[in-house]
Amino acid sequence: MEQAFRTAYVFVRNSFAGTLQETDAGYVFAYDLQYLADPAAPG
């Protein structure tokens, strides 16, 4: 995995949804597993 320069924590309607990381190759978004497992999560 590439080294991340900056990390943003992404929230959707006050629910933590995942992280957005800046790397040498560009940007990578990764969903939080708990967010994906929650059927009541927005989106």
N, C-alpha and C. Protein backbone atom coordinates (compact mmCIF):
# COMPACT_ATOMS: atom_id res chain seq x y z
N MET A 1 0.84 -1.18 0.00
CA MET A 1 0.00 0.00 0.00
C MET A 1 0.89 1.25 0.00
N GLU A 2 0.43 2.26 -0.67
CA GLU A 2 1.18 3.50 -0.77
C GLU A 2 1.08 4.31 0.53
N GLN A 3 2.07 5.15 0.73
CA GLN A 3 2.07 6.01 1.92
C GLN A 3 1.03 7.11 1.73
N ALA A 4 0.21 7.34 2.74
CA ALA A 4 -0.80 8.40 2.70
C ALA A 4 -0.19 9.69 3.21
N PHE A 5 -0.41 10.77 2.46
CA PHE A 5 0.07 12.08 2.88
C PHE A 5 -0.93 12.75 3.81
N ARG A 6 -2.19 12.72 3.42
CA ARG A 6 -3.25 13.32 4.22
C ARG A 6 -4.43 12.37 4.26
N THR A 7 -5.18 12.42 5.35
CA THR A 7 -6.36 11.59 5.50
C THR A 7 -7.53 12.46 5.91
N ALA A 8 -8.67 12.29 5.23
CA ALA A 8 -9.92 12.98 5.58
C ALA A 8 -10.90 11.93 6.08
N TYR A 9 -11.59 12.24 7.15
CA TYR A 9 -12.61 11.35 7.70
C TYR A 9 -13.96 11.83 7.19
N VAL A 10 -14.66 10.95 6.47
CA VAL A 10 -15.88 11.31 5.76
C VAL A 10 -17.10 10.88 6.57
N PHE A 11 -18.01 11.82 6.78
CA PHE A 11 -19.26 11.57 7.49
C PHE A 11 -20.42 11.86 6.56
N VAL A 12 -21.45 11.03 6.63
CA VAL A 12 -22.69 11.23 5.88
C VAL A 12 -23.82 11.32 6.90
N ARG A 13 -24.43 12.49 6.98
CA ARG A 13 -25.51 12.73 7.96
C ARG A 13 -25.10 12.31 9.36
N ASN A 14 -23.92 12.76 9.78
CA ASN A 14 -23.36 12.51 11.11
C ASN A 14 -22.98 11.06 11.37
N SER A 15 -22.92 10.22 10.35
CA SER A 15 -22.45 8.84 10.49
C SER A 15 -21.10 8.71 9.80
N PHE A 16 -20.10 8.14 10.51
CA PHE A 16 -18.79 7.94 9.91
C PHE A 16 -18.91 6.95 8.77
N ALA A 17 -18.53 7.36 7.56
CA ALA A 17 -18.68 6.52 6.38
C ALA A 17 -17.37 5.93 5.88
N GLY A 18 -16.24 6.60 6.15
CA GLY A 18 -14.97 6.06 5.67
C GLY A 18 -13.88 7.11 5.65
N THR A 19 -12.78 6.77 4.98
CA THR A 19 -11.64 7.67 4.91
C THR A 19 -11.26 7.93 3.46
N LEU A 20 -10.80 9.15 3.22
CA LEU A 20 -10.27 9.55 1.92
C LEU A 20 -8.81 9.88 2.14
N GLN A 21 -7.92 9.19 1.41
CA GLN A 21 -6.49 9.39 1.61
C GLN A 21 -5.83 9.86 0.32
N GLU A 22 -4.91 10.81 0.47
CA GLU A 22 -4.10 11.27 -0.65
C GLU A 22 -2.80 10.48 -0.65
N THR A 23 -2.46 9.86 -1.79
CA THR A 23 -1.23 9.07 -1.91
C THR A 23 -0.44 9.56 -3.13
N ASP A 24 0.71 8.95 -3.36
CA ASP A 24 1.50 9.26 -4.55
C ASP A 24 0.71 9.01 -5.84
N ALA A 25 -0.15 8.01 -5.81
CA ALA A 25 -0.90 7.61 -7.01
C ALA A 25 -2.19 8.39 -7.19
N GLY A 26 -2.61 9.17 -6.20
CA GLY A 26 -3.86 9.91 -6.29
C GLY A 26 -4.64 9.79 -5.00
N TYR A 27 -5.94 9.66 -5.10
CA TYR A 27 -6.81 9.57 -3.93
C TYR A 27 -7.44 8.19 -3.82
N VAL A 28 -7.62 7.73 -2.58
CA VAL A 28 -8.22 6.42 -2.32
C VAL A 28 -9.30 6.60 -1.26
N PHE A 29 -10.51 6.11 -1.55
CA PHE A 29 -11.59 6.13 -0.57
C PHE A 29 -11.84 4.72 -0.09
N ALA A 30 -11.99 4.56 1.23
CA ALA A 30 -12.29 3.24 1.80
C ALA A 30 -13.48 3.38 2.74
N TYR A 31 -14.53 2.64 2.47
CA TYR A 31 -15.69 2.63 3.35
C TYR A 31 -15.36 1.99 4.69
N ASP A 32 -15.98 2.47 5.76
CA ASP A 32 -15.89 1.84 7.07
C ASP A 32 -16.79 0.61 7.05
N LEU A 33 -16.30 -0.51 7.52
CA LEU A 33 -17.07 -1.76 7.46
C LEU A 33 -18.35 -1.69 8.29
N GLN A 34 -18.33 -1.01 9.41
CA GLN A 34 -19.55 -0.87 10.22
C GLN A 34 -20.60 -0.05 9.49
N TYR A 35 -20.16 0.96 8.76
CA TYR A 35 -21.10 1.78 7.98
C TYR A 35 -21.77 0.93 6.90
N LEU A 36 -21.01 0.11 6.21
CA LEU A 36 -21.57 -0.73 5.16
C LEU A 36 -22.51 -1.80 5.72
N ALA A 37 -22.25 -2.27 6.93
CA ALA A 37 -23.06 -3.33 7.53
C ALA A 37 -24.37 -2.80 8.12
N ASP A 38 -24.48 -1.50 8.32
CA ASP A 38 -25.66 -0.91 8.97
C ASP A 38 -26.76 -0.67 7.93
N PRO A 39 -27.86 -1.41 7.98
CA PRO A 39 -28.92 -1.22 6.99
C PRO A 39 -29.61 0.14 7.12
N ALA A 40 -29.48 0.81 8.27
CA ALA A 40 -30.09 2.11 8.47
C ALA A 40 -29.18 3.26 8.06
N ALA A 41 -27.97 2.95 7.58
CA ALA A 41 -27.02 4.00 7.19
C ALA A 41 -27.56 4.76 6.00
N PRO A 42 -27.34 6.07 5.98
CA PRO A 42 -27.79 6.86 4.83
C PRO A 42 -27.03 6.47 3.56
N GLY A 43 -27.63 6.74 2.47
CA GLY A 43 -26.92 6.49 1.22
C GLY A 43 -27.66 5.61 0.36
